[in-house]
Amino acid sequence: MLPSVAGAMEDETITVPAAARLLGIEAHTLYRLIVAGELGSVQTYERRVNGRSRQRRKFTLTRRELDAFIERSRVKPGELRHLAVAPQEESPDRERGGPRE
């Protein structure tokens, strides 16, 4: 039986630079989120051969983990109301161009 398209999408792996572009942030910011435990990743080692053997550490993320992070980070309407600055009322002196306090 073939996996569903939705299941294949969720298990898709994404590199850190590609995930950073999707989130609209810099790659080093995404690495900080991974190190802080805000976002899970899979650490793999890639062996490159360019005349010599070399191993390099590589982080990848699953689409499912990236989508879960986006949902956890989503701000609901009214959540930031406590940060709004209340409008100040104009004093009668200020309206007439009088002295300011």
C-alpha atoms as a PDB file:
ATOM      1  CA  MET A   1       0.000   0.000   0.000  1.00  0.00           C
ATOM      2  CA  LEU A   2       1.368   3.406  -0.930  1.00  0.00           C
ATOM      3  CA  PRO A   3       1.570   6.165   1.712  1.00  0.00           C
ATOM      4  CA  SER A   4      -0.948   8.956   1.380  1.00  0.00           C
ATOM      5  CA  VAL A   5       0.149  12.264  -0.082  1.00  0.00           C
ATOM      6  CA  ALA A   6      -0.584  14.003   3.239  1.00  0.00           C
ATOM      7  CA  GLY A   7       1.545  11.466   5.105  1.00  0.00           C
ATOM      8  CA  ALA A   8       4.381  11.911   2.628  1.00  0.00           C
ATOM      9  CA  MET A   9       4.221  15.687   3.083  1.00  0.00           C
ATOM     10  CA  GLU A  10       4.411  15.391   6.882  1.00  0.00           C
ATOM     11  CA  ASP A  11       7.443  13.091   6.784  1.00  0.00           C
ATOM     12  CA  GLU A  12       9.278  15.246   4.268  1.00  0.00           C
ATOM     13  CA  THR A  13      12.646  16.417   5.559  1.00  0.00           C
ATOM     14  CA  ILE A  14      13.737  20.017   5.169  1.00  0.00           C
ATOM     15  CA  THR A  15      17.215  21.481   5.558  1.00  0.00           C
ATOM     16  CA  VAL A  16      17.796  24.313   8.011  1.00  0.00           C
ATOM     17  CA  PRO A  17      18.385  26.949   5.289  1.00  0.00           C
ATOM     18  CA  ALA A  18      15.171  25.918   3.485  1.00  0.00           C
ATOM     19  CA  ALA A  19      13.162  25.900   6.736  1.00  0.00           C
ATOM     20  CA  ALA A  20      14.567  29.329   7.641  1.00  0.00           C
ATOM     21  CA  ARG A  21      13.383  30.689   4.287  1.00  0.00           C
ATOM     22  CA  LEU A  22       9.901  29.216   4.887  1.00  0.00           C
ATOM     23  CA  LEU A  23       9.756  30.875   8.326  1.00  0.00           C
ATOM     24  CA  GLY A  24      11.195  34.160   7.059  1.00  0.00           C
ATOM     25  CA  ILE A  25      14.120  34.126   9.521  1.00  0.00           C
ATOM     26  CA  GLU A  26      17.890  33.763   9.254  1.00  0.00           C
ATOM     27  CA  ALA A  27      19.410  30.271   9.440  1.00  0.00           C
ATOM     28  CA  HIS A  28      21.474  31.156  12.533  1.00  0.00           C
ATOM     29  CA  THR A  29      18.230  32.142  14.321  1.00  0.00           C
ATOM     30  CA  LEU A  30      16.766  28.746  13.455  1.00  0.00           C
ATOM     31  CA  TYR A  31      19.900  27.014  14.785  1.00  0.00           C
ATOM     32  CA  ARG A  32      19.411  28.921  18.058  1.00  0.00           C
ATOM     33  CA  LEU A  33      15.800  27.688  18.270  1.00  0.00           C
ATOM     34  CA  ILE A  34      17.003  24.115  17.715  1.00  0.00           C
ATOM     35  CA  VAL A  35      19.713  24.398  20.387  1.00  0.00           C
ATOM     36  CA  ALA A  36      17.199  25.964  22.829  1.00  0.00           C
ATOM     37  CA  GLY A  37      14.854  23.007  22.295  1.00  0.00           C
ATOM     38  CA  GLU A  38      12.079  25.104  20.734  1.00  0.00           C
ATOM     39  CA  LEU A  39      12.231  23.117  17.524  1.00  0.00           C
ATOM     40  CA  GLY A  40      13.215  19.478  17.073  1.00  0.00           C
ATOM     41  CA  SER A  41      15.647  18.387  14.418  1.00  0.00           C
ATOM     42  CA  VAL A  42      17.461  15.309  13.229  1.00  0.00           C
ATOM     43  CA  GLN A  43      21.236  15.435  13.234  1.00  0.00           C
ATOM     44  CA  THR A  44      22.868  13.435  10.475  1.00  0.00           C
ATOM     45  CA  TYR A  45      26.370  13.123   9.180  1.00  0.00           C
ATOM     46  CA  GLU A  46      27.102  13.593   5.536  1.00  0.00           C
ATOM     47  CA  ARG A  47      30.204  12.130   3.961  1.00  0.00           C
ATOM     48  CA  ARG A  48      31.499  14.197   1.099  1.00  0.00           C
ATOM     49  CA  VAL A  49      34.170  13.075  -1.304  1.00  0.00           C
ATOM     50  CA  ASN A  50      35.990  15.806  -3.178  1.00  0.00           C
ATOM     51  CA  GLY A  51      39.321  14.156  -3.691  1.00  0.00           C
ATOM     52  CA  ARG A  52      39.282  13.277   0.018  1.00  0.00           C
ATOM     53  CA  SER A  53      36.807  12.002   2.560  1.00  0.00           C
ATOM     54  CA  ARG A  54      35.210  14.410   4.960  1.00  0.00           C
ATOM     55  CA  GLN A  55      32.324  14.132   7.386  1.00  0.00           C
ATOM     56  CA  ARG A  56      30.099  17.043   8.156  1.00  0.00           C
ATOM     57  CA  ARG A  57      27.251  17.422  10.633  1.00  0.00           C
ATOM     58  CA  LYS A  58      23.911  18.318   9.078  1.00  0.00           C
ATOM     59  CA  PHE A  59      20.587  19.190  10.726  1.00  0.00           C
ATOM     60  CA  THR A  60      17.278  18.461   9.056  1.00  0.00           C
ATOM     61  CA  LEU A  61      13.721  19.039  10.208  1.00  0.00           C
ATOM     62  CA  THR A  62      10.538  17.231   9.372  1.00  0.00           C
ATOM     63  CA  ARG A  63       7.658  19.117   7.865  1.00  0.00           C
ATOM     64  CA  ARG A  64       5.472  17.852  10.723  1.00  0.00           C
ATOM     65  CA  GLU A  65       7.807  19.403  13.349  1.00  0.00           C
ATOM     66  CA  LEU A  66       7.986  22.674  11.414  1.00  0.00           C
ATOM     67  CA  ASP A  67       4.182  22.860  11.122  1.00  0.00           C
ATOM     68  CA  ALA A  68       3.814  22.113  14.859  1.00  0.00           C
ATOM     69  CA  PHE A  69       6.278  24.910  15.674  1.00  0.00           C
ATOM     70  CA  ILE A  70       4.301  27.356  13.526  1.00  0.00           C
ATOM     71  CA  GLU A  71       1.064  26.410  15.315  1.00  0.00           C
ATOM     72  CA  ARG A  72       2.697  26.800  18.762  1.00  0.00           C
ATOM     73  CA  SER A  73       4.031  30.209  17.738  1.00  0.00           C
ATOM     74  CA  ARG A  74       0.765  31.498  16.294  1.00  0.00           C
ATOM     75  CA  VAL A  75      -0.638  34.556  18.079  1.00  0.00           C
ATOM     76  CA  LYS A  76      -4.387  34.512  18.567  1.00  0.00           C
ATOM     77  CA  PRO A  77      -6.420  37.701  18.174  1.00  0.00           C
ATOM     78  CA  GLY A  78      -6.399  39.710  21.392  1.00  0.00           C
ATOM     79  CA  GLU A  79      -3.450  37.870  22.985  1.00  0.00           C
ATOM     80  CA  LEU A  80      -1.205  40.900  22.763  1.00  0.00           C
ATOM     81  CA  ARG A  81      -3.799  43.385  23.969  1.00  0.00           C
ATOM     82  CA  HIS A  82      -1.840  43.887  27.216  1.00  0.00           C
ATOM     83  CA  LEU A  83       1.017  45.363  25.136  1.00  0.00           C
ATOM     84  CA  ALA A  84      -1.117  48.007  23.452  1.00  0.00           C
ATOM     85  CA  VAL A  85      -0.558  51.599  24.497  1.00  0.00           C
ATOM     86  CA  ALA A  86      -3.741  53.297  25.656  1.00  0.00           C
ATOM     87  CA  PRO A  87      -4.528  56.490  23.751  1.00  0.00           C
ATOM     88  CA  GLN A  88      -3.967  59.601  25.840  1.00  0.00           C
ATOM     89  CA  GLU A  89      -6.714  62.157  26.191  1.00  0.00           C
ATOM     90  CA  GLU A  90      -5.956  65.650  24.991  1.00  0.00           C
ATOM     91  CA  SER A  91      -5.891  68.267  27.731  1.00  0.00           C
ATOM     92  CA  PRO A  92      -7.863  71.499  27.169  1.00  0.00           C
ATOM     93  CA  ASP A  93      -4.630  73.575  27.270  1.00  0.00           C
ATOM     94  CA  ARG A  94      -3.019  71.470  24.584  1.00  0.00           C
ATOM     95  CA  GLU A  95      -5.990  71.865  22.245  1.00  0.00           C
ATOM     96  CA  ARG A  96      -5.715  75.659  22.443  1.00  0.00           C
ATOM     97  CA  GLY A  97      -1.969  75.658  21.951  1.00  0.00           C
ATOM     98  CA  GLY A  98      -1.357  76.539  25.601  1.00  0.00           C
ATOM     99  CA  PRO A  99       1.513  75.401  27.814  1.00  0.00           C
ATOM    100  CA  ARG A 100       2.452  71.744  27.795  1.00  0.00           C
ATOM    101  CA  GLU A 101       3.009  69.726  30.917  1.00  0.00           C
END
